[in-house]
Every structure is written in structure tokens, then in C-alpha cells.
Amino acid sequence: MQTSRLNEVQRGLLRMFNREMTLEETLEVKQLLTHHYAQKARQSATDVALQKGYTQADYAKVLNQQKRTP
């Protein structure tokens, strides 16, 4: 198995959290990171949609397409 080195951000996070944490604190940190990356993903999707000129009608068309074979 190939191992990879930690980047500077990862090392910094390990130093920052090098202490005992309650389950509540652990869940708060996970929620914070999850929210951060979800927000970045939403923004990326919005940027692509704007760049490609997608409209609400395009989304409705895709949502109403029948994908299953009879």
C-alpha cells in the first residue's frame, strides 16, 4: 500500500486537535467541515450552471425525463 505525506494544512489540523475532545466537540468539527465543503460544492455547481447557461426549464426537463426501460 502506498502512503502519502500530509500536507501543511493536515499537519496544522493535527496539531490544533492534539487534545482530548468530547463526542459533541468532535461532531461539531465534522459538521463544520462538512458544511464548508458542501458550500464549496454548491458554489462550483452554480458557477458551472451559469457558465453553461442552464435555465430552470433545463432542470425541469431533466427531472421529468423517463430513464427506465419498459
N, C-alpha and C. Protein backbone atom coordinates (compact mmCIF):
# COMPACT_ATOMS: atom_id res chain seq x y z
N MET A 1 0.84 -1.18 0.00
CA MET A 1 0.00 0.00 0.00
C MET A 1 0.88 1.23 0.00
N GLN A 2 0.51 2.20 -0.81
CA GLN A 2 1.28 3.44 -0.92
C GLN A 2 0.81 4.43 0.14
N THR A 3 1.77 5.01 0.84
CA THR A 3 1.43 6.03 1.83
C THR A 3 1.73 7.40 1.26
N SER A 4 0.94 8.37 1.66
CA SER A 4 1.17 9.72 1.19
C SER A 4 1.53 10.60 2.38
N ARG A 5 2.26 11.64 2.11
CA ARG A 5 2.63 12.57 3.16
C ARG A 5 1.50 13.56 3.39
N LEU A 6 1.42 14.01 4.62
CA LEU A 6 0.41 15.01 4.95
C LEU A 6 0.84 16.37 4.44
N ASN A 7 -0.12 17.15 3.97
CA ASN A 7 0.21 18.50 3.55
C ASN A 7 0.22 19.42 4.77
N GLU A 8 0.57 20.67 4.57
CA GLU A 8 0.72 21.60 5.68
C GLU A 8 -0.59 21.82 6.43
N VAL A 9 -1.68 21.90 5.71
CA VAL A 9 -2.98 22.09 6.35
C VAL A 9 -3.32 20.90 7.23
N GLN A 10 -3.09 19.70 6.72
CA GLN A 10 -3.37 18.49 7.50
C GLN A 10 -2.51 18.44 8.77
N ARG A 11 -1.24 18.78 8.64
CA ARG A 11 -0.37 18.78 9.82
C ARG A 11 -0.83 19.83 10.83
N GLY A 12 -1.25 20.99 10.33
CA GLY A 12 -1.74 22.03 11.22
C GLY A 12 -2.99 21.61 11.96
N LEU A 13 -3.89 20.93 11.25
CA LEU A 13 -5.11 20.44 11.90
C LEU A 13 -4.79 19.40 12.97
N LEU A 14 -3.85 18.54 12.69
CA LEU A 14 -3.46 17.55 13.68
C LEU A 14 -2.88 18.22 14.93
N ARG A 15 -2.07 19.26 14.74
CA ARG A 15 -1.53 19.98 15.90
C ARG A 15 -2.65 20.68 16.66
N MET A 16 -3.58 21.28 15.93
CA MET A 16 -4.68 22.03 16.56
C MET A 16 -5.56 21.11 17.40
N PHE A 17 -5.79 19.90 16.93
CA PHE A 17 -6.70 18.99 17.62
C PHE A 17 -5.96 17.89 18.38
N ASN A 18 -4.73 18.14 18.75
CA ASN A 18 -3.93 17.19 19.51
C ASN A 18 -4.29 17.32 20.99
N ARG A 19 -5.55 17.03 21.30
CA ARG A 19 -6.05 17.09 22.67
C ARG A 19 -7.30 16.24 22.76
N GLU A 20 -7.70 15.95 23.99
CA GLU A 20 -8.92 15.19 24.17
C GLU A 20 -10.11 16.05 23.75
N MET A 21 -11.04 15.45 23.07
CA MET A 21 -12.25 16.15 22.64
C MET A 21 -13.45 15.31 23.04
N THR A 22 -14.51 16.00 23.42
CA THR A 22 -15.75 15.29 23.72
C THR A 22 -16.38 14.85 22.41
N LEU A 23 -17.33 13.94 22.52
CA LEU A 23 -18.05 13.49 21.33
C LEU A 23 -18.77 14.68 20.69
N GLU A 24 -19.32 15.56 21.51
CA GLU A 24 -20.02 16.74 20.99
C GLU A 24 -19.06 17.64 20.20
N GLU A 25 -17.86 17.87 20.72
CA GLU A 25 -16.88 18.69 20.02
C GLU A 25 -16.48 18.05 18.70
N THR A 26 -16.29 16.74 18.72
CA THR A 26 -15.92 16.01 17.51
C THR A 26 -17.00 16.16 16.45
N LEU A 27 -18.25 16.00 16.86
CA LEU A 27 -19.36 16.14 15.90
C LEU A 27 -19.46 17.57 15.39
N GLU A 28 -19.20 18.55 16.23
CA GLU A 28 -19.23 19.95 15.79
C GLU A 28 -18.17 20.22 14.73
N VAL A 29 -16.97 19.70 14.94
CA VAL A 29 -15.90 19.90 13.96
C VAL A 29 -16.26 19.22 12.64
N LYS A 30 -16.77 17.99 12.71
CA LYS A 30 -17.17 17.28 11.50
C LYS A 30 -18.27 18.04 10.76
N GLN A 31 -19.24 18.57 11.52
CA GLN A 31 -20.32 19.32 10.90
C GLN A 31 -19.81 20.60 10.24
N LEU A 32 -18.88 21.26 10.89
CA LEU A 32 -18.30 22.49 10.35
C LEU A 32 -17.58 22.21 9.03
N LEU A 33 -16.77 21.16 9.00
CA LEU A 33 -16.05 20.82 7.78
C LEU A 33 -17.00 20.36 6.68
N THR A 34 -18.00 19.58 7.05
CA THR A 34 -18.98 19.12 6.08
C THR A 34 -19.72 20.30 5.47
N HIS A 35 -20.13 21.24 6.30
CA HIS A 35 -20.83 22.42 5.82
C HIS A 35 -19.93 23.23 4.88
N HIS A 36 -18.66 23.39 5.25
CA HIS A 36 -17.71 24.15 4.44
C HIS A 36 -17.57 23.55 3.04
N TYR A 37 -17.35 22.24 2.97
CA TYR A 37 -17.15 21.61 1.67
C TYR A 37 -18.45 21.50 0.87
N ALA A 38 -19.59 21.37 1.55
CA ALA A 38 -20.87 21.37 0.84
C ALA A 38 -21.11 22.73 0.20
N GLN A 39 -20.78 23.79 0.93
CA GLN A 39 -20.94 25.14 0.40
C GLN A 39 -20.04 25.36 -0.82
N LYS A 40 -18.81 24.86 -0.76
CA LYS A 40 -17.91 24.99 -1.91
C LYS A 40 -18.44 24.20 -3.11
N ALA A 41 -19.00 23.01 -2.86
CA ALA A 41 -19.55 22.20 -3.95
C ALA A 41 -20.75 22.89 -4.58
N ARG A 42 -21.63 23.47 -3.75
CA ARG A 42 -22.79 24.20 -4.28
C ARG A 42 -22.34 25.37 -5.14
N GLN A 43 -21.33 26.09 -4.67
CA GLN A 43 -20.84 27.24 -5.43
C GLN A 43 -20.24 26.81 -6.77
N SER A 44 -19.51 25.70 -6.75
CA SER A 44 -18.93 25.19 -8.00
C SER A 44 -20.03 24.79 -8.98
N ALA A 45 -21.07 24.13 -8.48
CA ALA A 45 -22.19 23.72 -9.35
C ALA A 45 -22.90 24.95 -9.92
N THR A 46 -23.08 25.96 -9.09
CA THR A 46 -23.70 27.20 -9.55
C THR A 46 -22.85 27.87 -10.61
N ASP A 47 -21.55 27.92 -10.41
CA ASP A 47 -20.65 28.52 -11.39
C ASP A 47 -20.72 27.81 -12.73
N VAL A 48 -20.74 26.48 -12.70
CA VAL A 48 -20.83 25.70 -13.94
C VAL A 48 -22.16 25.97 -14.64
N ALA A 49 -23.25 25.97 -13.87
CA ALA A 49 -24.57 26.21 -14.45
C ALA A 49 -24.63 27.59 -15.10
N LEU A 50 -24.07 28.59 -14.45
CA LEU A 50 -24.06 29.94 -15.03
C LEU A 50 -23.19 29.98 -16.29
N GLN A 51 -22.05 29.31 -16.23
CA GLN A 51 -21.13 29.30 -17.37
C GLN A 51 -21.78 28.63 -18.59
N LYS A 52 -22.52 27.56 -18.34
CA LYS A 52 -23.14 26.83 -19.44
C LYS A 52 -24.50 27.41 -19.83
N GLY A 53 -25.00 28.35 -19.05
CA GLY A 53 -26.26 29.00 -19.38
C GLY A 53 -27.49 28.16 -19.11
N TYR A 54 -27.42 27.23 -18.15
CA TYR A 54 -28.58 26.41 -17.82
C TYR A 54 -29.69 27.27 -17.24
N THR A 55 -30.92 26.90 -17.57
CA THR A 55 -32.09 27.62 -17.06
C THR A 55 -32.92 26.67 -16.20
N GLN A 56 -33.91 27.24 -15.52
CA GLN A 56 -34.81 26.42 -14.71
C GLN A 56 -35.55 25.42 -15.60
N ALA A 57 -35.85 25.82 -16.82
CA ALA A 57 -36.52 24.92 -17.77
C ALA A 57 -35.64 23.71 -18.09
N ASP A 58 -34.32 23.91 -18.18
CA ASP A 58 -33.41 22.79 -18.43
C ASP A 58 -33.45 21.79 -17.28
N TYR A 59 -33.47 22.30 -16.06
CA TYR A 59 -33.53 21.41 -14.89
C TYR A 59 -34.85 20.65 -14.86
N ALA A 60 -35.95 21.33 -15.15
CA ALA A 60 -37.26 20.68 -15.16
C ALA A 60 -37.31 19.58 -16.21
N LYS A 61 -36.72 19.84 -17.37
CA LYS A 61 -36.70 18.84 -18.44
C LYS A 61 -35.95 17.58 -17.99
N VAL A 62 -34.81 17.75 -17.36
CA VAL A 62 -34.02 16.60 -16.90
C VAL A 62 -34.77 15.84 -15.81
N LEU A 63 -35.39 16.57 -14.88
CA LEU A 63 -36.13 15.92 -13.80
C LEU A 63 -37.31 15.11 -14.30
N ASN A 64 -37.89 15.53 -15.41
CA ASN A 64 -39.10 14.85 -15.91
C ASN A 64 -38.81 13.80 -16.97
N GLN A 65 -37.54 13.57 -17.28
CA GLN A 65 -37.20 12.55 -18.28
C GLN A 65 -37.40 11.16 -17.70
N GLN A 66 -37.89 10.27 -18.56
CA GLN A 66 -38.04 8.88 -18.16
C GLN A 66 -36.74 8.16 -18.48
N LYS A 67 -36.08 7.61 -17.46
CA LYS A 67 -34.78 6.95 -17.67
C LYS A 67 -34.88 5.43 -17.69
N ARG A 68 -35.95 4.87 -17.17
CA ARG A 68 -36.07 3.42 -17.08
C ARG A 68 -36.56 2.84 -18.41
N THR A 69 -36.07 1.66 -18.69
CA THR A 69 -36.56 0.96 -19.88
C THR A 69 -37.83 0.18 -19.49
N PRO A 70 -38.79 0.13 -20.37
CA PRO A 70 -40.06 -0.56 -20.05
C PRO A 70 -39.88 -2.06 -19.91
